[in-house]
Amino acid sequence: MAWTKACATEDVPVDEGHRAVVGDKVLAVFNVDGEFFATDDVCTHGESSLSEGYVEPDCSVECVAHMARFSLKTGEVLAPPATIPITVYPVRVDDGIVMVDLDG
């Protein structure tokens, strides 16, 4: 695994998303009750930023453009109009830094 810094934990408020550029990827990092998740930032349906979406208590994010909803744990589509899952990345937190494995 190749762990890369995405952002500081303090950059991601509880139950919100944060846009992070990591290498050549744009990620959305989410904080759900102190648990962190990372996905690609772009909705697979409407090319909208998921970091600006609504974080739900069931560890999902709803896209602001057309209300597609995705699991932050698996990337699975939970609500249409999206039909293609999003990519999720392994995350760990080291000393207040959110680390992602882009190869995972």
PDB file of N, CA and C in Angstrom:
ATOM      1  N   MET A   1       0.842  -1.187   0.000  1.00  0.00           N
ATOM      2  CA  MET A   1       0.000   0.000   0.000  1.00  0.00           C
ATOM      3  C   MET A   1       0.880   1.241   0.000  1.00  0.00           C
ATOM      4  N   ALA A   2       0.433   2.236  -0.718  1.00  0.00           N
ATOM      5  CA  ALA A   2       1.154   3.505  -0.791  1.00  0.00           C
ATOM      6  C   ALA A   2       0.275   4.598  -0.190  1.00  0.00           C
ATOM      7  N   TRP A   3       0.490   4.885   1.070  1.00  0.00           N
ATOM      8  CA  TRP A   3      -0.329   5.870   1.769  1.00  0.00           C
ATOM      9  C   TRP A   3       0.144   7.281   1.422  1.00  0.00           C
ATOM     10  N   THR A   4      -0.824   8.145   1.114  1.00  0.00           N
ATOM     11  CA  THR A   4      -0.560   9.529   0.712  1.00  0.00           C
ATOM     12  C   THR A   4      -1.432  10.464   1.531  1.00  0.00           C
ATOM     13  N   LYS A   5      -0.873  11.597   1.923  1.00  0.00           N
ATOM     14  CA  LYS A   5      -1.631  12.585   2.689  1.00  0.00           C
ATOM     15  C   LYS A   5      -2.732  13.189   1.828  1.00  0.00           C
ATOM     16  N   ALA A   6      -3.950  13.187   2.360  1.00  0.00           N
ATOM     17  CA  ALA A   6      -5.076  13.830   1.689  1.00  0.00           C
ATOM     18  C   ALA A   6      -5.365  15.195   2.299  1.00  0.00           C
ATOM     19  N   CYS A   7      -5.426  15.249   3.642  1.00  0.00           N
ATOM     20  CA  CYS A   7      -5.733  16.496   4.335  1.00  0.00           C
ATOM     21  C   CYS A   7      -5.590  16.260   5.839  1.00  0.00           C
ATOM     22  N   ALA A   8      -5.738  17.321   6.599  1.00  0.00           N
ATOM     23  CA  ALA A   8      -5.764  17.202   8.059  1.00  0.00           C
ATOM     24  C   ALA A   8      -7.184  16.861   8.497  1.00  0.00           C
ATOM     25  N   THR A   9      -7.301  16.127   9.581  1.00  0.00           N
ATOM     26  CA  THR A   9      -8.637  15.788  10.080  1.00  0.00           C
ATOM     27  C   THR A   9      -9.439  17.047  10.390  1.00  0.00           C
ATOM     28  N   GLU A  10      -8.768  18.088  10.848  1.00  0.00           N
ATOM     29  CA  GLU A  10      -9.468  19.325  11.188  1.00  0.00           C
ATOM     30  C   GLU A  10     -10.025  20.051   9.959  1.00  0.00           C
ATOM     31  N   ASP A  11      -9.593  19.652   8.759  1.00  0.00           N
ATOM     32  CA  ASP A  11     -10.120  20.241   7.526  1.00  0.00           C
ATOM     33  C   ASP A  11     -11.500  19.715   7.169  1.00  0.00           C
ATOM     34  N   VAL A  12     -11.916  18.623   7.825  1.00  0.00           N
ATOM     35  CA  VAL A  12     -13.164  17.956   7.461  1.00  0.00           C
ATOM     36  C   VAL A  12     -14.126  17.989   8.649  1.00  0.00           C
ATOM     37  N   PRO A  13     -15.052  18.941   8.671  1.00  0.00           N
ATOM     38  CA  PRO A  13     -16.004  19.004   9.785  1.00  0.00           C
ATOM     39  C   PRO A  13     -16.858  17.734   9.860  1.00  0.00           C
ATOM     40  N   VAL A  14     -17.330  17.423  11.043  1.00  0.00           N
ATOM     41  CA  VAL A  14     -18.183  16.254  11.245  1.00  0.00           C
ATOM     42  C   VAL A  14     -19.413  16.359  10.352  1.00  0.00           C
ATOM     43  N   ASP A  15     -19.730  15.251   9.688  1.00  0.00           N
ATOM     44  CA  ASP A  15     -20.885  15.116   8.802  1.00  0.00           C
ATOM     45  C   ASP A  15     -20.830  16.054   7.602  1.00  0.00           C
ATOM     46  N   GLU A  16     -19.614  16.297   7.116  1.00  0.00           N
ATOM     47  CA  GLU A  16     -19.426  17.102   5.912  1.00  0.00           C
ATOM     48  C   GLU A  16     -18.327  16.486   5.063  1.00  0.00           C
ATOM     49  N   GLY A  17     -18.193  17.028   3.855  1.00  0.00           N
ATOM     50  CA  GLY A  17     -17.148  16.592   2.945  1.00  0.00           C
ATOM     51  C   GLY A  17     -16.123  17.687   2.737  1.00  0.00           C
ATOM     52  N   HIS A  18     -14.975  17.292   2.200  1.00  0.00           N
ATOM     53  CA  HIS A  18     -13.877  18.217   1.926  1.00  0.00           C
ATOM     54  C   HIS A  18     -13.217  17.778   0.623  1.00  0.00           C
ATOM     55  N   ARG A  19     -12.997  18.710  -0.276  1.00  0.00           N
ATOM     56  CA  ARG A  19     -12.328  18.418  -1.554  1.00  0.00           C
ATOM     57  C   ARG A  19     -10.820  18.431  -1.324  1.00  0.00           C
ATOM     58  N   ALA A  20     -10.144  17.361  -1.775  1.00  0.00           N
ATOM     59  CA  ALA A  20      -8.699  17.252  -1.597  1.00  0.00           C
ATOM     60  C   ALA A  20      -8.061  16.802  -2.910  1.00  0.00           C
ATOM     61  N   VAL A  21      -7.036  17.524  -3.335  1.00  0.00           N
ATOM     62  CA  VAL A  21      -6.291  17.125  -4.524  1.00  0.00           C
ATOM     63  C   VAL A  21      -5.091  16.314  -4.054  1.00  0.00           C
ATOM     64  N   VAL A  22      -5.020  15.066  -4.535  1.00  0.00           N
ATOM     65  CA  VAL A  22      -3.956  14.151  -4.139  1.00  0.00           C
ATOM     66  C   VAL A  22      -3.319  13.623  -5.425  1.00  0.00           C
ATOM     67  N   GLY A  23      -2.133  14.098  -5.706  1.00  0.00           N
ATOM     68  CA  GLY A  23      -1.496  13.733  -6.968  1.00  0.00           C
ATOM     69  C   GLY A  23      -2.326  14.245  -8.123  1.00  0.00           C
ATOM     70  N   ASP A  24      -2.709  13.338  -9.027  1.00  0.00           N
ATOM     71  CA  ASP A  24      -3.538  13.740 -10.163  1.00  0.00           C
ATOM     72  C   ASP A  24      -5.015  13.431  -9.941  1.00  0.00           C
ATOM     73  N   LYS A  25      -5.384  13.091  -8.713  1.00  0.00           N
ATOM     74  CA  LYS A  25      -6.780  12.774  -8.398  1.00  0.00           C
ATOM     75  C   LYS A  25      -7.411  13.861  -7.539  1.00  0.00           C
ATOM     76  N   VAL A  26      -8.700  14.071  -7.766  1.00  0.00           N
ATOM     77  CA  VAL A  26      -9.485  14.964  -6.916  1.00  0.00           C
ATOM     78  C   VAL A  26     -10.408  14.069  -6.097  1.00  0.00           C
ATOM     79  N   LEU A  27     -10.233  14.132  -4.783  1.00  0.00           N
ATOM     80  CA  LEU A  27     -10.986  13.269  -3.875  1.00  0.00           C
ATOM     81  C   LEU A  27     -11.972  14.067  -3.047  1.00  0.00           C
ATOM     82  N   ALA A  28     -12.959  13.359  -2.551  1.00  0.00           N
ATOM     83  CA  ALA A  28     -13.858  13.883  -1.531  1.00  0.00           C
ATOM     84  C   ALA A  28     -13.551  13.094  -0.261  1.00  0.00           C
ATOM     85  N   VAL A  29     -13.213  13.804   0.798  1.00  0.00           N
ATOM     86  CA  VAL A  29     -12.947  13.178   2.094  1.00  0.00           C
ATOM     87  C   VAL A  29     -14.106  13.533   3.009  1.00  0.00           C
ATOM     88  N   PHE A  30     -14.649  12.525   3.677  1.00  0.00           N
ATOM     89  CA  PHE A  30     -15.826  12.713   4.522  1.00  0.00           C
ATOM     90  C   PHE A  30     -15.527  12.304   5.953  1.00  0.00           C
ATOM     91  N   ASN A  31     -16.191  12.981   6.884  1.00  0.00           N
ATOM     92  CA  ASN A  31     -16.095  12.692   8.310  1.00  0.00           C
ATOM     93  C   ASN A  31     -17.506  12.376   8.797  1.00  0.00           C
ATOM     94  N   VAL A  32     -17.757  11.107   9.095  1.00  0.00           N
ATOM     95  CA  VAL A  32     -19.063  10.700   9.609  1.00  0.00           C
ATOM     96  C   VAL A  32     -18.864  10.282  11.059  1.00  0.00           C
ATOM     97  N   ASP A  33     -19.227  11.172  11.965  1.00  0.00           N
ATOM     98  CA  ASP A  33     -19.079  10.927  13.405  1.00  0.00           C
ATOM     99  C   ASP A  33     -17.668  10.501  13.776  1.00  0.00           C
ATOM    100  N   GLY A  34     -16.658  11.124  13.181  1.00  0.00           N
ATOM    101  CA  GLY A  34     -15.269  10.844  13.514  1.00  0.00           C
ATOM    102  C   GLY A  34     -14.635   9.724  12.716  1.00  0.00           C
ATOM    103  N   GLU A  35     -15.399   9.066  11.847  1.00  0.00           N
ATOM    104  CA  GLU A  35     -14.854   8.046  10.955  1.00  0.00           C
ATOM    105  C   GLU A  35     -14.675   8.679   9.573  1.00  0.00           C
ATOM    106  N   PHE A  36     -13.495   8.482   8.980  1.00  0.00           N
ATOM    107  CA  PHE A  36     -13.175   9.142   7.720  1.00  0.00           C
ATOM    108  C   PHE A  36     -13.285   8.186   6.542  1.00  0.00           C
ATOM    109  N   PHE A  37     -13.739   8.743   5.410  1.00  0.00           N
ATOM    110  CA  PHE A  37     -13.912   8.009   4.166  1.00  0.00           C
ATOM    111  C   PHE A  37     -13.376   8.869   3.033  1.00  0.00           C
ATOM    112  N   ALA A  38     -12.909   8.228   1.956  1.00  0.00           N
ATOM    113  CA  ALA A  38     -12.434   8.963   0.787  1.00  0.00           C
ATOM    114  C   ALA A  38     -12.981   8.309  -0.475  1.00  0.00           C
ATOM    115  N   THR A  39     -13.465   9.154  -1.391  1.00  0.00           N
ATOM    116  CA  THR A  39     -13.999   8.697  -2.672  1.00  0.00           C
ATOM    117  C   THR A  39     -13.506   9.643  -3.760  1.00  0.00           C
ATOM    118  N   ASP A  40     -13.720   9.244  -5.016  1.00  0.00           N
ATOM    119  CA  ASP A  40     -13.543  10.222  -6.081  1.00  0.00           C
ATOM    120  C   ASP A  40     -14.550  11.335  -5.842  1.00  0.00           C
ATOM    121  N   ASP A  41     -14.201  12.551  -6.228  1.00  0.00           N
ATOM    122  CA  ASP A  41     -15.066  13.694  -5.925  1.00  0.00           C
ATOM    123  C   ASP A  41     -16.211  13.869  -6.911  1.00  0.00           C
ATOM    124  N   VAL A  42     -16.172  13.192  -8.031  1.00  0.00           N
ATOM    125  CA  VAL A  42     -17.170  13.439  -9.076  1.00  0.00           C
ATOM    126  C   VAL A  42     -18.267  12.381  -9.054  1.00  0.00           C
ATOM    127  N   CYS A  43     -19.515  12.849  -9.043  1.00  0.00           N
ATOM    128  CA  CYS A  43     -20.671  11.964  -9.133  1.00  0.00           C
ATOM    129  C   CYS A  43     -20.639  11.261 -10.492  1.00  0.00           C
ATOM    130  N   THR A  44     -20.941   9.979 -10.510  1.00  0.00           N
ATOM    131  CA  THR A  44     -20.912   9.221 -11.759  1.00  0.00           C
ATOM    132  C   THR A  44     -22.112   9.516 -12.653  1.00  0.00           C
ATOM    133  N   HIS A  45     -23.072  10.250 -12.153  1.00  0.00           N
ATOM    134  CA  HIS A  45     -24.248  10.572 -12.962  1.00  0.00           C
ATOM    135  C   HIS A  45     -24.140  11.937 -13.614  1.00  0.00           C
ATOM    136  N   GLY A  46     -23.828  12.957 -12.824  1.00  0.00           N
ATOM    137  CA  GLY A  46     -23.958  14.305 -13.355  1.00  0.00           C
ATOM    138  C   GLY A  46     -22.722  15.168 -13.297  1.00  0.00           C
ATOM    139  N   GLU A  47     -21.544  14.557 -13.071  1.00  0.00           N
ATOM    140  CA  GLU A  47     -20.298  15.330 -13.033  1.00  0.00           C
ATOM    141  C   GLU A  47     -20.328  16.453 -11.988  1.00  0.00           C
ATOM    142  N   SER A  48     -20.993  16.221 -10.882  1.00  0.00           N
ATOM    143  CA  SER A  48     -21.082  17.190  -9.794  1.00  0.00           C
ATOM    144  C   SER A  48     -20.140  16.781  -8.665  1.00  0.00           C
ATOM    145  N   SER A  49     -19.676  17.754  -7.881  1.00  0.00           N
ATOM    146  CA  SER A  49     -18.754  17.503  -6.785  1.00  0.00           C
ATOM    147  C   SER A  49     -19.466  16.839  -5.605  1.00  0.00           C
ATOM    148  N   LEU A  50     -19.001  15.645  -5.226  1.00  0.00           N
ATOM    149  CA  LEU A  50     -19.595  14.961  -4.079  1.00  0.00           C
ATOM    150  C   LEU A  50     -19.162  15.566  -2.755  1.00  0.00           C
ATOM    151  N   SER A  51     -18.010  16.251  -2.739  1.00  0.00           N
ATOM    152  CA  SER A  51     -17.577  16.885  -1.487  1.00  0.00           C
ATOM    153  C   SER A  51     -18.536  17.986  -1.064  1.00  0.00           C
ATOM    154  N   GLU A  52     -19.338  18.462  -1.983  1.00  0.00           N
ATOM    155  CA  GLU A  52     -20.355  19.471  -1.674  1.00  0.00           C
ATOM    156  C   GLU A  52     -21.707  18.840  -1.364  1.00  0.00           C
ATOM    157  N   GLY A  53     -21.761  17.501  -1.361  1.00  0.00           N
ATOM    158  CA  GLY A  53     -23.014  16.797  -1.152  1.00  0.00           C
ATOM    159  C   GLY A  53     -23.443  16.756   0.302  1.00  0.00           C
ATOM    160  N   TYR A  54     -24.580  16.122   0.515  1.00  0.00           N
ATOM    161  CA  TYR A  54     -25.166  15.992   1.847  1.00  0.00           C
ATOM    162  C   TYR A  54     -24.740  14.660   2.457  1.00  0.00           C
ATOM    163  N   VAL A  55     -24.058  14.702   3.579  1.00  0.00           N
ATOM    164  CA  VAL A  55     -23.625  13.487   4.264  1.00  0.00           C
ATOM    165  C   VAL A  55     -24.775  12.998   5.143  1.00  0.00           C
ATOM    166  N   GLU A  56     -25.122  11.730   4.953  1.00  0.00           N
ATOM    167  CA  GLU A  56     -26.241  11.137   5.676  1.00  0.00           C
ATOM    168  C   GLU A  56     -25.724  10.269   6.824  1.00  0.00           C
ATOM    169  N   PRO A  57     -26.522  10.090   7.890  1.00  0.00           N
ATOM    170  CA  PRO A  57     -26.094   9.299   9.051  1.00  0.00           C
ATOM    171  C   PRO A  57     -25.790   7.833   8.735  1.00  0.00           C
ATOM    172  N   ASP A  58     -26.306   7.318   7.614  1.00  0.00           N
ATOM    173  CA  ASP A  58     -26.063   5.916   7.260  1.00  0.00           C
ATOM    174  C   ASP A  58     -24.762   5.732   6.469  1.00  0.00           C
ATOM    175  N   CYS A  59     -23.832   6.703   6.583  1.00  0.00           N
ATOM    176  CA  CYS A  59     -22.545   6.665   5.869  1.00  0.00           C
ATOM    177  C   CYS A  59     -22.738   6.694   4.361  1.00  0.00           C
ATOM    178  N   SER A  60     -23.584   7.618   3.918  1.00  0.00           N
ATOM    179  CA  SER A  60     -23.771   7.808   2.487  1.00  0.00           C
ATOM    180  C   SER A  60     -23.674   9.300   2.186  1.00  0.00           C
ATOM    181  N   VAL A  61     -23.512   9.599   0.895  1.00  0.00           N
ATOM    182  CA  VAL A  61     -23.485  10.987   0.451  1.00  0.00           C
ATOM    183  C   VAL A  61     -24.499  11.145  -0.674  1.00  0.00           C
ATOM    184  N   GLU A  62     -25.236  12.246  -0.617  1.00  0.00           N
ATOM    185  CA  GLU A  62     -26.217  12.567  -1.652  1.00  0.00           C
ATOM    186  C   GLU A  62     -25.691  13.716  -2.497  1.00  0.00           C
ATOM    187  N   CYS A  63     -25.642  13.499  -3.789  1.00  0.00           N
ATOM    188  CA  CYS A  63     -25.168  14.515  -4.720  1.00  0.00           C
ATOM    189  C   CYS A  63     -26.147  15.688  -4.751  1.00  0.00           C
ATOM    190  N   VAL A  64     -25.621  16.886  -4.745  1.00  0.00           N
ATOM    191  CA  VAL A  64     -26.480  18.073  -4.733  1.00  0.00           C
ATOM    192  C   VAL A  64     -27.159  18.319  -6.075  1.00  0.00           C
ATOM    193  N   ALA A  65     -26.631  17.771  -7.164  1.00  0.00           N
ATOM    194  CA  ALA A  65     -27.178  18.067  -8.491  1.00  0.00           C
ATOM    195  C   ALA A  65     -28.502  17.346  -8.759  1.00  0.00           C
ATOM    196  N   HIS A  66     -28.520  16.009  -8.584  1.00  0.00           N
ATOM    197  CA  HIS A  66     -29.711  15.250  -8.942  1.00  0.00           C
ATOM    198  C   HIS A  66     -30.132  14.245  -7.881  1.00  0.00           C
ATOM    199  N   MET A  67     -29.575  14.364  -6.671  1.00  0.00           N
ATOM    200  CA  MET A  67     -29.951  13.543  -5.528  1.00  0.00           C
ATOM    201  C   MET A  67     -29.553  12.070  -5.633  1.00  0.00           C
ATOM    202  N   ALA A  68     -28.611  11.721  -6.508  1.00  0.00           N
ATOM    203  CA  ALA A  68     -28.073  10.360  -6.482  1.00  0.00           C
ATOM    204  C   ALA A  68     -27.393  10.171  -5.130  1.00  0.00           C
ATOM    205  N   ARG A  69     -27.430   8.957  -4.591  1.00  0.00           N
ATOM    206  CA  ARG A  69     -26.842   8.710  -3.280  1.00  0.00           C
ATOM    207  C   ARG A  69     -25.940   7.487  -3.361  1.00  0.00           C
ATOM    208  N   PHE A  70     -24.786   7.567  -2.660  1.00  0.00           N
ATOM    209  CA  PHE A  70     -23.768   6.524  -2.704  1.00  0.00           C
ATOM    210  C   PHE A  70     -23.323   6.148  -1.298  1.00  0.00           C
ATOM    211  N   SER A  71     -22.988   4.874  -1.113  1.00  0.00           N
ATOM    212  CA  SER A  71     -22.400   4.409   0.142  1.00  0.00           C
ATOM    213  C   SER A  71     -20.958   4.894   0.220  1.00  0.00           C
ATOM    214  N   LEU A  72     -20.586   5.496   1.349  1.00  0.00           N
ATOM    215  CA  LEU A  72     -19.201   5.928   1.544  1.00  0.00           C
ATOM    216  C   LEU A  72     -18.293   4.752   1.888  1.00  0.00           C
ATOM    217  N   LYS A  73     -18.872   3.638   2.301  1.00  0.00           N
ATOM    218  CA  LYS A  73     -18.081   2.455   2.648  1.00  0.00           C
ATOM    219  C   LYS A  73     -17.748   1.600   1.425  1.00  0.00           C
ATOM    220  N   THR A  74     -18.687   1.490   0.490  1.00  0.00           N
ATOM    221  CA  THR A  74     -18.507   0.576  -0.641  1.00  0.00           C
ATOM    222  C   THR A  74     -18.537   1.257  -2.004  1.00  0.00           C
ATOM    223  N   GLY A  75     -19.089   2.466  -2.076  1.00  0.00           N
ATOM    224  CA  GLY A  75     -19.253   3.154  -3.353  1.00  0.00           C
ATOM    225  C   GLY A  75     -20.546   2.785  -4.066  1.00  0.00           C
ATOM    226  N   GLU A  76     -21.276   1.825  -3.510  1.00  0.00           N
ATOM    227  CA  GLU A  76     -22.519   1.339  -4.117  1.00  0.00           C
ATOM    228  C   GLU A  76     -23.527   2.472  -4.312  1.00  0.00           C
ATOM    229  N   VAL A  77     -24.247   2.414  -5.427  1.00  0.00           N
ATOM    230  CA  VAL A  77     -25.334   3.360  -5.688  1.00  0.00           C
ATOM    231  C   VAL A  77     -26.507   2.988  -4.788  1.00  0.00           C
ATOM    232  N   LEU A  78     -26.994   3.943  -4.012  1.00  0.00           N
ATOM    233  CA  LEU A  78     -28.117   3.698  -3.107  1.00  0.00           C
ATOM    234  C   LEU A  78     -29.405   4.353  -3.582  1.00  0.00           C
ATOM    235  N   ALA A  79     -29.291   5.329  -4.502  1.00  0.00           N
ATOM    236  CA  ALA A  79     -30.480   6.001  -5.028  1.00  0.00           C
ATOM    237  C   ALA A  79     -30.177   6.532  -6.430  1.00  0.00           C
ATOM    238  N   PRO A  80     -31.132   6.348  -7.351  1.00  0.00           N
ATOM    239  CA  PRO A  80     -30.949   6.864  -8.699  1.00  0.00           C
ATOM    240  C   PRO A  80     -31.013   8.398  -8.694  1.00  0.00           C
ATOM    241  N   PRO A  81     -30.594   9.031  -9.751  1.00  0.00           N
ATOM    242  CA  PRO A  81     -30.466   8.515 -11.101  1.00  0.00           C
ATOM    243  C   PRO A  81     -29.122   7.865 -11.426  1.00  0.00           C
ATOM    244  N   ALA A  82     -28.159   7.887 -10.528  1.00  0.00           N
ATOM    245  CA  ALA A  82     -26.868   7.234 -10.798  1.00  0.00           C
ATOM    246  C   ALA A  82     -27.066   5.727 -10.920  1.00  0.00           C
ATOM    247  N   THR A  83     -26.269   5.105 -11.775  1.00  0.00           N
ATOM    248  CA  THR A  83     -26.287   3.649 -11.920  1.00  0.00           C
ATOM    249  C   THR A  83     -24.884   3.063 -11.786  1.00  0.00           C
ATOM    250  N   ILE A  84     -23.865   3.913 -11.827  1.00  0.00           N
ATOM    251  CA  ILE A  84     -22.478   3.473 -11.747  1.00  0.00           C
ATOM    252  C   ILE A  84     -21.925   3.827 -10.364  1.00  0.00           C
ATOM    253  N   PRO A  85     -21.339   2.861  -9.649  1.00  0.00           N
ATOM    254  CA  PRO A  85     -20.784   3.145  -8.315  1.00  0.00           C
ATOM    255  C   PRO A  85     -19.618   4.139  -8.397  1.00  0.00           C
ATOM    256  N   ILE A  86     -19.301   4.744  -7.267  1.00  0.00           N
ATOM    257  CA  ILE A  86     -18.131   5.607  -7.166  1.00  0.00           C
ATOM    258  C   ILE A  86     -16.973   4.782  -6.614  1.00  0.00           C
ATOM    259  N   THR A  87     -15.760   5.258  -6.858  1.00  0.00           N
ATOM    260  CA  THR A  87     -14.577   4.591  -6.321  1.00  0.00           C
ATOM    261  C   THR A  87     -14.334   5.063  -4.892  1.00  0.00           C
ATOM    262  N   VAL A  88     -14.095   4.117  -3.993  1.00  0.00           N
ATOM    263  CA  VAL A  88     -13.731   4.447  -2.619  1.00  0.00           C
ATOM    264  C   VAL A  88     -12.295   3.992  -2.387  1.00  0.00           C
ATOM    265  N   TYR A  89     -11.610   4.678  -1.481  1.00  0.00           N
ATOM    266  CA  TYR A  89     -10.204   4.403  -1.200  1.00  0.00           C
ATOM    267  C   TYR A  89     -10.018   4.066   0.269  1.00  0.00           C
ATOM    268  N   PRO A  90      -9.089   3.146   0.568  1.00  0.00           N
ATOM    269  CA  PRO A  90      -8.767   2.877   1.971  1.00  0.00           C
ATOM    270  C   PRO A  90      -8.243   4.153   2.645  1.00  0.00           C
ATOM    271  N   VAL A  91      -8.625   4.332   3.898  1.00  0.00           N
ATOM    272  CA  VAL A  91      -8.254   5.519   4.673  1.00  0.00           C
ATOM    273  C   VAL A  91      -7.701   5.088   6.017  1.00  0.00           C
ATOM    274  N   ARG A  92      -6.716   5.815   6.489  1.00  0.00           N
ATOM    275  CA  ARG A  92      -6.257   5.686   7.873  1.00  0.00           C
ATOM    276  C   ARG A  92      -5.928   7.099   8.352  1.00  0.00           C
ATOM    277  N   VAL A  93      -5.923   7.260   9.653  1.00  0.00           N
ATOM    278  CA  VAL A  93      -5.596   8.558  10.249  1.00  0.00           C
ATOM    279  C   VAL A  93      -4.330   8.392  11.072  1.00  0.00           C
ATOM    280  N   ASP A  94      -3.331   9.218  10.764  1.00  0.00           N
ATOM    281  CA  ASP A  94      -2.063   9.220  11.488  1.00  0.00           C
ATOM    282  C   ASP A  94      -1.807  10.613  12.047  1.00  0.00           C
ATOM    283  N   ASP A  95      -1.821  10.734  13.365  1.00  0.00           N
ATOM    284  CA  ASP A  95      -1.489  12.013  14.015  1.00  0.00           C
ATOM    285  C   ASP A  95      -2.241  13.190  13.423  1.00  0.00           C
ATOM    286  N   GLY A  96      -3.560  13.022  13.232  1.00  0.00           N
ATOM    287  CA  GLY A  96      -4.379  14.123  12.747  1.00  0.00           C
ATOM    288  C   GLY A  96      -4.333  14.341  11.236  1.00  0.00           C
ATOM    289  N   ILE A  97      -3.720  13.406  10.499  1.00  0.00           N
ATOM    290  CA  ILE A  97      -3.647  13.504   9.057  1.00  0.00           C
ATOM    291  C   ILE A  97      -4.435  12.348   8.437  1.00  0.00           C
ATOM    292  N   VAL A  98      -5.324  12.679   7.497  1.00  0.00           N
ATOM    293  CA  VAL A  98      -6.059  11.661   6.769  1.00  0.00           C
ATOM    294  C   VAL A  98      -5.176  11.173   5.627  1.00  0.00           C
ATOM    295  N   MET A  99      -4.878   9.880   5.656  1.00  0.00           N
ATOM    296  CA  MET A  99      -4.034   9.253   4.648  1.00  0.00           C
ATOM    297  C   MET A  99      -4.910   8.349   3.779  1.00  0.00           C
ATOM    298  N   VAL A 100      -4.666   8.333   2.467  1.00  0.00           N
ATOM    299  CA  VAL A 100      -5.407   7.486   1.554  1.00  0.00           C
ATOM    300  C   VAL A 100      -4.449   6.599   0.774  1.00  0.00           C
ATOM    301  N   ASP A 101      -4.953   5.440   0.390  1.00  0.00           N
ATOM    302  CA  ASP A 101      -4.197   4.525  -0.469  1.00  0.00           C
ATOM    303  C   ASP A 101      -4.849   4.557  -1.842  1.00  0.00           C
ATOM    304  N   LEU A 102      -4.276   5.282  -2.775  1.00  0.00           N
ATOM    305  CA  LEU A 102      -4.857   5.438  -4.100  1.00  0.00           C
ATOM    306  C   LEU A 102      -4.789   4.157  -4.924  1.00  0.00           C
ATOM    307  N   ASP A 103      -3.943   3.219  -4.509  1.00  0.00           N
ATOM    308  CA  ASP A 103      -3.825   1.957  -5.225  1.00  0.00           C
ATOM    309  C   ASP A 103      -4.751   0.889  -4.655  1.00  0.00           C
ATOM    310  N   GLY A 104      -5.330   1.188  -3.480  1.00  0.00           N
ATOM    311  CA  GLY A 104      -6.149   0.193  -2.792  1.00  0.00           C
ATOM    312  C   GLY A 104      -7.479   0.068  -3.406  1.00  0.00           C
TER     313      GLY A 104
END
